[in-house]
């Protein structure tokens, strides 16, 4: 138990990247925390942290220690949730890293539905792209990841993929809103465009489509916030692009039309977990719910 408490403090330092910042968060003095770490390093026979001018980072030995500790915590969480299930009362904690598009509507709806049946289960949801998602799954700080194109994750298993067409989004009184059915990308680019940055799967699909075309994209506005882009479509009557799972129901002043698949084929939404990891019961059951929702 003494080592368990010490490992929690080392984990806090690793996440903060600073002994001083971690000490403040833990409400102990910087000197006392540093003394504990030095004593543990002496017992371990190797430095846990590399001291740098502006903080600390885990040494190779520290990486092994932290991974062992986080694996123990994850295993204990799984055992606790299994014990709770024995009594018929599901408990536990589910940690998710998700692409931005799923945060406004899809995940709140799914979490609310799950907690209506299992109110003792808690959730933590973090926004993150593919790289962040893989890192969180590998270091066991997340149970599940929901990421949109591309998702070539070396240490991660994809449980299900769901196709998502790219939608052109515009104000309801925009000229393109008068049409029905799919819209060609070249027609969208005749108007000012508010585009997501190239870190996002939607932009990569657009760029791949434009690479096969003589048309070029010169955005009037770029942003890493889909909420901002959608709002700007009302403010300036630009055309922007998102996937259906991140869009509100019809109304609200917006209109949306799918891009013609001859220009931009659908991308894939991936539900992922770490390979060969047995998830806690609550996380495993929630993953099953997500798979049913995405399949539908």
C-alpha atoms as a PDB file:
ATOM      1  CA  UNK A   1       0.000   0.000   0.000  1.00  0.00           C
ATOM      2  CA  UNK A   2       2.894   2.365   0.723  1.00  0.00           C
ATOM      3  CA  UNK A   3       4.279   1.793  -2.763  1.00  0.00           C
ATOM      4  CA  UNK A   4       0.793   2.155  -4.230  1.00  0.00           C
ATOM      5  CA  UNK A   5       0.462   5.663  -2.731  1.00  0.00           C
ATOM      6  CA  UNK A   6       3.972   6.571  -3.868  1.00  0.00           C
ATOM      7  CA  UNK A   7       3.293   5.353  -7.396  1.00  0.00           C
ATOM      8  CA  UNK A   8       0.205   7.568  -7.508  1.00  0.00           C
ATOM      9  CA  UNK A   9       2.373  10.579  -6.713  1.00  0.00           C
ATOM     10  CA  UNK A  10       4.935   9.559  -9.355  1.00  0.00           C
ATOM     11  CA  UNK A  11       2.090   9.232 -11.848  1.00  0.00           C
ATOM     12  CA  UNK A  12       0.936  12.752 -10.906  1.00  0.00           C
ATOM     13  CA  UNK A  13       4.443  14.106 -11.525  1.00  0.00           C
ATOM     14  CA  UNK A  14       4.641  12.308 -14.887  1.00  0.00           C
ATOM     15  CA  UNK A  15       1.335  13.821 -16.007  1.00  0.00           C
ATOM     16  CA  UNK A  16       2.247  17.313 -14.769  1.00  0.00           C
ATOM     17  CA  UNK A  17       5.783  17.217 -16.188  1.00  0.00           C
ATOM     18  CA  UNK A  18       6.951  19.060 -13.081  1.00  0.00           C
ATOM     19  CA  UNK A  19       7.600  18.091  -9.464  1.00  0.00           C
ATOM     20  CA  UNK A  20       6.583  21.573  -8.312  1.00  0.00           C
ATOM     21  CA  UNK A  21       3.257  21.539 -10.189  1.00  0.00           C
ATOM     22  CA  UNK A  22       2.465  18.031  -8.973  1.00  0.00           C
ATOM     23  CA  UNK A  23       3.299  19.025  -5.383  1.00  0.00           C
ATOM     24  CA  UNK A  24       0.857  21.932  -5.610  1.00  0.00           C
ATOM     25  CA  UNK A  25      -1.881  19.644  -6.939  1.00  0.00           C
ATOM     26  CA  UNK A  26      -1.189  17.080  -4.199  1.00  0.00           C
ATOM     27  CA  UNK A  27      -1.065  19.778  -1.483  1.00  0.00           C
ATOM     28  CA  UNK A  28       2.429  18.828  -0.271  1.00  0.00           C
ATOM     29  CA  UNK A  29       5.703  20.712  -0.417  1.00  0.00           C
ATOM     30  CA  UNK A  30       7.994  20.469  -3.407  1.00  0.00           C
ATOM     31  CA  UNK A  31      10.841  19.397  -1.100  1.00  0.00           C
ATOM     32  CA  UNK A  32       8.852  16.591   0.499  1.00  0.00           C
ATOM     33  CA  UNK A  33       7.714  15.218  -2.858  1.00  0.00           C
ATOM     34  CA  UNK A  34      11.221  15.360  -4.294  1.00  0.00           C
ATOM     35  CA  UNK A  35      12.556  13.555  -1.202  1.00  0.00           C
ATOM     36  CA  UNK A  36      10.028  10.735  -1.687  1.00  0.00           C
ATOM     37  CA  UNK A  37      10.966  10.356  -5.339  1.00  0.00           C
ATOM     38  CA  UNK A  38      14.698  10.290  -4.565  1.00  0.00           C
ATOM     39  CA  UNK A  39      14.142   7.627  -1.892  1.00  0.00           C
ATOM     40  CA  UNK A  40      12.129   5.492  -4.343  1.00  0.00           C
ATOM     41  CA  UNK A  41      14.802   5.897  -7.035  1.00  0.00           C
ATOM     42  CA  UNK A  42      17.451   4.780  -4.537  1.00  0.00           C
ATOM     43  CA  UNK A  43      15.368   1.699  -3.659  1.00  0.00           C
ATOM     44  CA  UNK A  44      14.670   0.976  -7.341  1.00  0.00           C
ATOM     45  CA  UNK A  45      18.329   1.396  -8.291  1.00  0.00           C
ATOM     46  CA  UNK A  46      17.565   3.654 -11.260  1.00  0.00           C
ATOM     47  CA  UNK A  47      16.270   7.186 -11.851  1.00  0.00           C
ATOM     48  CA  UNK A  48      12.546   7.410 -12.518  1.00  0.00           C
ATOM     49  CA  UNK A  49      12.732  10.928 -13.922  1.00  0.00           C
ATOM     50  CA  UNK A  50      15.159  12.823 -16.094  1.00  0.00           C
ATOM     51  CA  UNK A  51      15.597  16.289 -14.591  1.00  0.00           C
ATOM     52  CA  UNK A  52      15.516  19.081 -17.175  1.00  0.00           C
ATOM     53  CA  UNK A  53      15.785  22.881 -16.852  1.00  0.00           C
ATOM     54  CA  UNK A  54      12.024  23.317 -17.135  1.00  0.00           C
ATOM     55  CA  UNK A  55      10.605  20.206 -15.547  1.00  0.00           C
ATOM     56  CA  UNK A  56      11.001  16.456 -15.607  1.00  0.00           C
ATOM     57  CA  UNK A  57      10.184  13.568 -17.897  1.00  0.00           C
ATOM     58  CA  UNK A  58      10.065   9.840 -17.340  1.00  0.00           C
ATOM     59  CA  UNK A  59      13.282   7.917 -17.832  1.00  0.00           C
ATOM     60  CA  UNK A  60      13.173   4.500 -19.575  1.00  0.00           C
ATOM     61  CA  UNK A  61      12.997   2.897 -16.106  1.00  0.00           C
ATOM     62  CA  UNK A  62      10.240   5.338 -15.149  1.00  0.00           C
ATOM     63  CA  UNK A  63       8.246   4.382 -18.242  1.00  0.00           C
ATOM     64  CA  UNK A  64       8.335   0.736 -17.101  1.00  0.00           C
ATOM     65  CA  UNK A  65       7.302   1.667 -13.548  1.00  0.00           C
ATOM     66  CA  UNK A  66       4.387   3.846 -14.668  1.00  0.00           C
ATOM     67  CA  UNK A  67       3.127   1.308 -17.199  1.00  0.00           C
ATOM     68  CA  UNK A  68       3.180  -1.385 -14.490  1.00  0.00           C
ATOM     69  CA  UNK A  69       1.304   0.893 -12.093  1.00  0.00           C
ATOM     70  CA  UNK A  70      -1.351   1.905 -14.625  1.00  0.00           C
ATOM     71  CA  UNK A  71      -1.857  -1.723 -15.618  1.00  0.00           C
ATOM     72  CA  UNK A  72      -2.441  -2.606 -11.947  1.00  0.00           C
ATOM     73  CA  UNK A  73      -4.983   0.220 -11.599  1.00  0.00           C
ATOM     74  CA  UNK A  74      -6.790  -0.904 -14.770  1.00  0.00           C
ATOM     75  CA  UNK A  75      -6.881  -4.525 -13.593  1.00  0.00           C
ATOM     76  CA  UNK A  76      -8.228  -3.503 -10.187  1.00  0.00           C
ATOM     77  CA  UNK A  77     -10.951  -1.400 -11.845  1.00  0.00           C
ATOM     78  CA  UNK A  78     -11.949  -4.426 -13.914  1.00  0.00           C
ATOM     79  CA  UNK A  79     -12.096  -6.660 -10.821  1.00  0.00           C
ATOM     80  CA  UNK A  80     -14.178  -4.113  -8.901  1.00  0.00           C
ATOM     81  CA  UNK A  81     -16.677  -3.793 -11.724  1.00  0.00           C
ATOM     82  CA  UNK A  82     -16.950  -7.597 -11.953  1.00  0.00           C
ATOM     83  CA  UNK A  83     -17.582  -7.802  -8.190  1.00  0.00           C
ATOM     84  CA  UNK A  84     -20.268  -5.116  -8.481  1.00  0.00           C
ATOM     85  CA  UNK A  85     -21.898  -7.109 -11.284  1.00  0.00           C
ATOM     86  CA  UNK A  86     -22.104 -10.138  -9.005  1.00  0.00           C
ATOM     87  CA  UNK A  87     -24.509  -8.180  -6.811  1.00  0.00           C
ATOM     88  CA  UNK A  88     -26.535  -7.064  -9.814  1.00  0.00           C
ATOM     89  CA  UNK A  89     -25.468  -3.417  -9.454  1.00  0.00           C
ATOM     90  CA  UNK A  90     -23.179  -2.236 -12.181  1.00  0.00           C
ATOM     91  CA  UNK A  91     -20.500   0.172 -11.040  1.00  0.00           C
ATOM     92  CA  UNK A  92     -17.295   1.403 -12.575  1.00  0.00           C
ATOM     93  CA  UNK A  93     -15.720   4.197 -14.563  1.00  0.00           C
ATOM     94  CA  UNK A  94     -15.475   4.541 -18.344  1.00  0.00           C
ATOM     95  CA  UNK A  95     -12.815   6.753 -19.907  1.00  0.00           C
ATOM     96  CA  UNK A  96     -13.194   7.745 -23.568  1.00  0.00           C
ATOM     97  CA  UNK A  97     -11.078   9.708 -26.024  1.00  0.00           C
ATOM     98  CA  UNK A  98     -13.142  10.973 -28.924  1.00  0.00           C
ATOM     99  CA  UNK A  99     -12.900  12.966 -32.117  1.00  0.00           C
ATOM    100  CA  UNK A 100     -14.556  16.332 -31.876  1.00  0.00           C
ATOM    101  CA  UNK A 101     -17.517  15.419 -34.091  1.00  0.00           C
ATOM    102  CA  UNK A 102     -18.988  12.955 -31.573  1.00  0.00           C
ATOM    103  CA  UNK A 103     -18.939  15.319 -28.599  1.00  0.00           C
ATOM    104  CA  UNK A 104     -21.980  17.569 -29.206  1.00  0.00           C
ATOM    105  CA  UNK A 105     -24.708  14.979 -29.835  1.00  0.00           C
ATOM    106  CA  UNK A 106     -23.740  11.314 -30.184  1.00  0.00           C
ATOM    107  CA  UNK A 107     -21.771  10.695 -26.987  1.00  0.00           C
ATOM    108  CA  UNK A 108     -24.030  12.742 -24.659  1.00  0.00           C
ATOM    109  CA  UNK A 109     -27.032  10.778 -25.934  1.00  0.00           C
ATOM    110  CA  UNK A 110     -25.321   7.392 -25.548  1.00  0.00           C
ATOM    111  CA  UNK A 111     -23.875   8.141 -22.104  1.00  0.00           C
ATOM    112  CA  UNK A 112     -27.224   9.427 -20.857  1.00  0.00           C
ATOM    113  CA  UNK A 113     -28.945   6.257 -22.102  1.00  0.00           C
ATOM    114  CA  UNK A 114     -26.351   4.051 -20.380  1.00  0.00           C
ATOM    115  CA  UNK A 115     -26.463   5.957 -17.098  1.00  0.00           C
ATOM    116  CA  UNK A 116     -30.251   5.799 -17.081  1.00  0.00           C
ATOM    117  CA  UNK A 117     -29.811   2.051 -16.620  1.00  0.00           C
ATOM    118  CA  UNK A 118     -26.598   2.166 -14.555  1.00  0.00           C
ATOM    119  CA  UNK A 119     -26.432   5.467 -12.619  1.00  0.00           C
ATOM    120  CA  UNK A 120     -23.474   4.290 -10.496  1.00  0.00           C
ATOM    121  CA  UNK A 121     -21.184   4.239 -13.544  1.00  0.00           C
ATOM    122  CA  UNK A 122     -19.139   7.409 -14.069  1.00  0.00           C
ATOM    123  CA  UNK A 123     -17.613   8.701 -17.299  1.00  0.00           C
ATOM    124  CA  UNK A 124     -14.664  10.808 -18.389  1.00  0.00           C
ATOM    125  CA  UNK A 125     -14.675  12.104 -21.982  1.00  0.00           C
ATOM    126  CA  UNK A 126     -11.620  13.767 -23.537  1.00  0.00           C
ATOM    127  CA  UNK A 127     -11.328  15.294 -26.987  1.00  0.00           C
ATOM    128  CA  UNK A 128      -8.434  13.899 -28.981  1.00  0.00           C
ATOM    129  CA  UNK A 129      -7.315  13.024 -32.489  1.00  0.00           C
ATOM    130  CA  UNK A 130      -5.793   9.742 -33.668  1.00  0.00           C
ATOM    131  CA  UNK A 131      -2.373  10.287 -32.064  1.00  0.00           C
ATOM    132  CA  UNK A 132      -3.830  11.377 -28.722  1.00  0.00           C
ATOM    133  CA  UNK A 133      -6.295   8.480 -28.794  1.00  0.00           C
ATOM    134  CA  UNK A 134      -3.600   5.864 -29.393  1.00  0.00           C
ATOM    135  CA  UNK A 135      -1.420   7.297 -26.626  1.00  0.00           C
ATOM    136  CA  UNK A 136      -4.317   7.281 -24.158  1.00  0.00           C
ATOM    137  CA  UNK A 137      -5.216   3.665 -24.964  1.00  0.00           C
ATOM    138  CA  UNK A 138      -1.600   2.520 -24.688  1.00  0.00           C
ATOM    139  CA  UNK A 139      -0.936   4.217 -21.345  1.00  0.00           C
ATOM    140  CA  UNK A 140      -4.315   2.942 -20.055  1.00  0.00           C
ATOM    141  CA  UNK A 141      -5.686   6.406 -19.336  1.00  0.00           C
ATOM    142  CA  UNK A 142      -8.571   5.618 -21.712  1.00  0.00           C
ATOM    143  CA  UNK A 143     -10.656   2.484 -22.161  1.00  0.00           C
ATOM    144  CA  UNK A 144     -12.171   3.352 -25.541  1.00  0.00           C
ATOM    145  CA  UNK A 145     -11.454   5.665 -28.452  1.00  0.00           C
ATOM    146  CA  UNK A 146     -13.822   6.979 -31.123  1.00  0.00           C
ATOM    147  CA  UNK A 147     -11.859   8.524 -33.981  1.00  0.00           C
ATOM    148  CA  UNK A 148     -12.652   9.563 -37.533  1.00  0.00           C
ATOM    149  CA  UNK A 149     -10.362   8.938 -40.486  1.00  0.00           C
ATOM    150  CA  UNK A 150      -7.632   7.837 -40.620  1.00  0.00           C
ATOM    151  CA  UNK A 151      -7.216   5.301 -37.831  1.00  0.00           C
ATOM    152  CA  UNK A 152      -4.145   3.179 -38.571  1.00  0.00           C
ATOM    153  CA  UNK A 153      -3.313   2.503 -34.950  1.00  0.00           C
ATOM    154  CA  UNK A 154      -0.511  -0.024 -34.455  1.00  0.00           C
ATOM    155  CA  UNK A 155      -1.326  -1.184 -30.913  1.00  0.00           C
ATOM    156  CA  UNK A 156      -5.078  -0.743 -31.140  1.00  0.00           C
ATOM    157  CA  UNK A 157      -7.916  -3.030 -32.206  1.00  0.00           C
ATOM    158  CA  UNK A 158     -10.894  -1.614 -34.086  1.00  0.00           C
ATOM    159  CA  UNK A 159     -14.153  -3.074 -32.764  1.00  0.00           C
ATOM    160  CA  UNK A 160     -16.379  -1.568 -35.463  1.00  0.00           C
ATOM    161  CA  UNK A 161     -16.236   0.987 -38.252  1.00  0.00           C
ATOM    162  CA  UNK A 162     -19.126   3.172 -39.362  1.00  0.00           C
ATOM    163  CA  UNK A 163     -19.115   4.974 -42.731  1.00  0.00           C
ATOM    164  CA  UNK A 164     -19.689   8.724 -42.644  1.00  0.00           C
ATOM    165  CA  UNK A 165     -20.356  10.757 -45.772  1.00  0.00           C
ATOM    166  CA  UNK A 166     -18.967  14.275 -45.833  1.00  0.00           C
ATOM    167  CA  UNK A 167     -21.758  16.846 -45.626  1.00  0.00           C
ATOM    168  CA  UNK A 168     -21.718  20.341 -47.073  1.00  0.00           C
ATOM    169  CA  UNK A 169     -23.249  22.621 -44.437  1.00  0.00           C
ATOM    170  CA  UNK A 170     -24.628  26.060 -45.147  1.00  0.00           C
ATOM    171  CA  UNK A 171     -27.259  28.541 -43.971  1.00  0.00           C
ATOM    172  CA  UNK A 172     -30.828  27.590 -44.846  1.00  0.00           C
ATOM    173  CA  UNK A 173     -31.102  30.590 -47.186  1.00  0.00           C
ATOM    174  CA  UNK A 174     -27.835  29.830 -48.997  1.00  0.00           C
ATOM    175  CA  UNK A 175     -28.233  29.237 -52.778  1.00  0.00           C
ATOM    176  CA  UNK A 176     -26.911  25.667 -52.433  1.00  0.00           C
ATOM    177  CA  UNK A 177     -29.620  24.912 -49.863  1.00  0.00           C
ATOM    178  CA  UNK A 178     -32.268  25.134 -52.586  1.00  0.00           C
ATOM    179  CA  UNK A 179     -31.019  21.950 -54.225  1.00  0.00           C
ATOM    180  CA  UNK A 180     -31.862  18.389 -53.233  1.00  0.00           C
ATOM    181  CA  UNK A 181     -29.638  15.351 -52.927  1.00  0.00           C
ATOM    182  CA  UNK A 182     -25.842  15.198 -53.288  1.00  0.00           C
ATOM    183  CA  UNK A 183     -23.884  18.292 -54.279  1.00  0.00           C
ATOM    184  CA  UNK A 184     -20.679  18.378 -56.296  1.00  0.00           C
ATOM    185  CA  UNK A 185     -17.567  19.691 -54.570  1.00  0.00           C
ATOM    186  CA  UNK A 186     -16.821  22.107 -57.390  1.00  0.00           C
ATOM    187  CA  UNK A 187     -20.235  23.709 -56.883  1.00  0.00           C
ATOM    188  CA  UNK A 188     -19.460  24.238 -53.177  1.00  0.00           C
ATOM    189  CA  UNK A 189     -16.157  25.890 -54.011  1.00  0.00           C
ATOM    190  CA  UNK A 190     -17.876  28.550 -56.104  1.00  0.00           C
ATOM    191  CA  UNK A 191     -18.774  30.134 -52.749  1.00  0.00           C
ATOM    192  CA  UNK A 192     -16.569  31.215 -49.806  1.00  0.00           C
ATOM    193  CA  UNK A 193     -15.543  28.185 -47.726  1.00  0.00           C
ATOM    194  CA  UNK A 194     -14.883  27.773 -44.000  1.00  0.00           C
ATOM    195  CA  UNK A 195     -12.742  24.637 -43.755  1.00  0.00           C
ATOM    196  CA  UNK A 196     -11.458  22.473 -40.922  1.00  0.00           C
ATOM    197  CA  UNK A 197      -7.696  22.437 -40.460  1.00  0.00           C
ATOM    198  CA  UNK A 198      -5.659  19.656 -42.042  1.00  0.00           C
ATOM    199  CA  UNK A 199      -5.381  17.826 -38.699  1.00  0.00           C
ATOM    200  CA  UNK A 200      -8.916  16.494 -39.179  1.00  0.00           C
ATOM    201  CA  UNK A 201     -10.180  13.584 -41.234  1.00  0.00           C
ATOM    202  CA  UNK A 202     -12.803  15.680 -43.022  1.00  0.00           C
ATOM    203  CA  UNK A 203     -10.101  17.998 -44.376  1.00  0.00           C
ATOM    204  CA  UNK A 204      -7.956  15.049 -45.449  1.00  0.00           C
ATOM    205  CA  UNK A 205     -10.870  13.611 -47.415  1.00  0.00           C
ATOM    206  CA  UNK A 206     -11.420  16.990 -49.078  1.00  0.00           C
ATOM    207  CA  UNK A 207      -7.724  17.363 -49.890  1.00  0.00           C
ATOM    208  CA  UNK A 208      -7.603  13.854 -51.378  1.00  0.00           C
ATOM    209  CA  UNK A 209     -10.633  14.678 -53.528  1.00  0.00           C
ATOM    210  CA  UNK A 210      -9.089  17.942 -54.708  1.00  0.00           C
ATOM    211  CA  UNK A 211      -5.800  16.209 -55.553  1.00  0.00           C
ATOM    212  CA  UNK A 212      -7.721  14.311 -58.254  1.00  0.00           C
ATOM    213  CA  UNK A 213      -9.341  17.498 -59.538  1.00  0.00           C
ATOM    214  CA  UNK A 214      -8.345  20.734 -61.230  1.00  0.00           C
ATOM    215  CA  UNK A 215     -10.334  22.668 -58.597  1.00  0.00           C
ATOM    216  CA  UNK A 216      -8.411  24.214 -55.706  1.00  0.00           C
ATOM    217  CA  UNK A 217      -9.488  24.991 -52.158  1.00  0.00           C
ATOM    218  CA  UNK A 218      -8.724  28.489 -50.866  1.00  0.00           C
ATOM    219  CA  UNK A 219     -10.603  28.763 -47.557  1.00  0.00           C
ATOM    220  CA  UNK A 220     -11.800  32.151 -46.420  1.00  0.00           C
ATOM    221  CA  UNK A 221     -11.716  30.823 -42.848  1.00  0.00           C
ATOM    222  CA  UNK A 222     -10.056  27.788 -41.245  1.00  0.00           C
ATOM    223  CA  UNK A 223     -10.578  26.458 -37.737  1.00  0.00           C
ATOM    224  CA  UNK A 224     -10.023  23.398 -35.571  1.00  0.00           C
ATOM    225  CA  UNK A 225     -13.519  23.887 -34.079  1.00  0.00           C
ATOM    226  CA  UNK A 226     -16.448  22.377 -35.952  1.00  0.00           C
ATOM    227  CA  UNK A 227     -18.829  24.254 -33.682  1.00  0.00           C
ATOM    228  CA  UNK A 228     -17.252  27.542 -34.794  1.00  0.00           C
ATOM    229  CA  UNK A 229     -17.355  26.532 -38.465  1.00  0.00           C
ATOM    230  CA  UNK A 230     -21.023  25.656 -38.220  1.00  0.00           C
ATOM    231  CA  UNK A 231     -21.799  28.967 -36.507  1.00  0.00           C
ATOM    232  CA  UNK A 232     -19.784  30.862 -39.110  1.00  0.00           C
ATOM    233  CA  UNK A 233     -21.899  29.318 -41.862  1.00  0.00           C
ATOM    234  CA  UNK A 234     -24.777  31.351 -40.420  1.00  0.00           C
ATOM    235  CA  UNK A 235     -22.750  34.506 -39.801  1.00  0.00           C
ATOM    236  CA  UNK A 236     -21.204  34.849 -43.283  1.00  0.00           C
ATOM    237  CA  UNK A 237     -23.145  32.375 -45.403  1.00  0.00           C
ATOM    238  CA  UNK A 238     -20.058  30.356 -46.213  1.00  0.00           C
ATOM    239  CA  UNK A 239     -20.049  26.634 -46.997  1.00  0.00           C
ATOM    240  CA  UNK A 240     -18.368  24.337 -44.499  1.00  0.00           C
ATOM    241  CA  UNK A 241     -17.976  20.566 -44.195  1.00  0.00           C
ATOM    242  CA  UNK A 242     -18.694  18.061 -41.426  1.00  0.00           C
ATOM    243  CA  UNK A 243     -19.799  14.459 -40.928  1.00  0.00           C
ATOM    244  CA  UNK A 244     -23.427  13.588 -40.110  1.00  0.00           C
ATOM    245  CA  UNK A 245     -22.789  12.260 -36.597  1.00  0.00           C
ATOM    246  CA  UNK A 246     -21.560  15.717 -35.550  1.00  0.00           C
ATOM    247  CA  UNK A 247     -24.499  17.665 -36.964  1.00  0.00           C
ATOM    248  CA  UNK A 248     -27.725  18.713 -35.223  1.00  0.00           C
ATOM    249  CA  UNK A 249     -31.126  17.593 -36.376  1.00  0.00           C
ATOM    250  CA  UNK A 250     -32.738  19.567 -39.208  1.00  0.00           C
ATOM    251  CA  UNK A 251     -33.543  23.167 -38.367  1.00  0.00           C
ATOM    252  CA  UNK A 252     -31.648  25.772 -36.408  1.00  0.00           C
ATOM    253  CA  UNK A 253     -31.016  27.833 -39.508  1.00  0.00           C
ATOM    254  CA  UNK A 254     -28.716  25.287 -41.182  1.00  0.00           C
ATOM    255  CA  UNK A 255     -29.084  23.174 -44.271  1.00  0.00           C
ATOM    256  CA  UNK A 256     -26.921  20.217 -45.231  1.00  0.00           C
ATOM    257  CA  UNK A 257     -26.335  18.155 -48.353  1.00  0.00           C
ATOM    258  CA  UNK A 258     -24.019  15.171 -48.816  1.00  0.00           C
ATOM    259  CA  UNK A 259     -21.040  15.611 -51.083  1.00  0.00           C
ATOM    260  CA  UNK A 260     -21.307  13.558 -54.241  1.00  0.00           C
ATOM    261  CA  UNK A 261     -19.375  10.327 -53.654  1.00  0.00           C
ATOM    262  CA  UNK A 262     -17.735  10.706 -57.064  1.00  0.00           C
ATOM    263  CA  UNK A 263     -15.829  13.590 -55.472  1.00  0.00           C
ATOM    264  CA  UNK A 264     -15.426  12.514 -51.843  1.00  0.00           C
ATOM    265  CA  UNK A 265     -16.067   8.905 -50.782  1.00  0.00           C
ATOM    266  CA  UNK A 266     -17.309   8.310 -47.216  1.00  0.00           C
ATOM    267  CA  UNK A 267     -14.760   8.156 -44.425  1.00  0.00           C
ATOM    268  CA  UNK A 268     -14.818   5.715 -41.532  1.00  0.00           C
ATOM    269  CA  UNK A 269     -15.497   6.267 -37.872  1.00  0.00           C
ATOM    270  CA  UNK A 270     -13.561   3.782 -35.703  1.00  0.00           C
ATOM    271  CA  UNK A 271     -14.427   2.473 -32.239  1.00  0.00           C
ATOM    272  CA  UNK A 272     -11.139   1.208 -30.789  1.00  0.00           C
ATOM    273  CA  UNK A 273      -9.605  -0.368 -27.709  1.00  0.00           C
ATOM    274  CA  UNK A 274      -6.122  -1.554 -26.800  1.00  0.00           C
ATOM    275  CA  UNK A 275      -5.231  -4.950 -28.257  1.00  0.00           C
ATOM    276  CA  UNK A 276      -5.431  -7.885 -25.838  1.00  0.00           C
ATOM    277  CA  UNK A 277      -6.754  -5.730 -22.991  1.00  0.00           C
ATOM    278  CA  UNK A 278      -9.708  -7.113 -21.033  1.00  0.00           C
ATOM    279  CA  UNK A 279     -11.916  -4.091 -20.405  1.00  0.00           C
ATOM    280  CA  UNK A 280     -13.713  -3.483 -17.106  1.00  0.00           C
ATOM    281  CA  UNK A 281     -17.331  -4.653 -17.251  1.00  0.00           C
ATOM    282  CA  UNK A 282     -18.796  -1.131 -17.440  1.00  0.00           C
ATOM    283  CA  UNK A 283     -16.517  -0.140 -20.321  1.00  0.00           C
ATOM    284  CA  UNK A 284     -17.100  -3.423 -22.162  1.00  0.00           C
ATOM    285  CA  UNK A 285     -20.889  -3.093 -21.879  1.00  0.00           C
ATOM    286  CA  UNK A 286     -20.791   0.531 -22.980  1.00  0.00           C
ATOM    287  CA  UNK A 287     -18.643  -0.487 -25.978  1.00  0.00           C
ATOM    288  CA  UNK A 288     -21.345  -3.006 -26.906  1.00  0.00           C
ATOM    289  CA  UNK A 289     -23.961  -0.249 -26.734  1.00  0.00           C
ATOM    290  CA  UNK A 290     -21.825   1.996 -28.952  1.00  0.00           C
ATOM    291  CA  UNK A 291     -21.396  -0.811 -31.483  1.00  0.00           C
ATOM    292  CA  UNK A 292     -25.166  -1.267 -31.698  1.00  0.00           C
ATOM    293  CA  UNK A 293     -25.676   2.489 -32.118  1.00  0.00           C
ATOM    294  CA  UNK A 294     -23.011   2.793 -34.801  1.00  0.00           C
ATOM    295  CA  UNK A 295     -24.269  -0.267 -36.657  1.00  0.00           C
ATOM    296  CA  UNK A 296     -27.723   1.326 -36.731  1.00  0.00           C
END
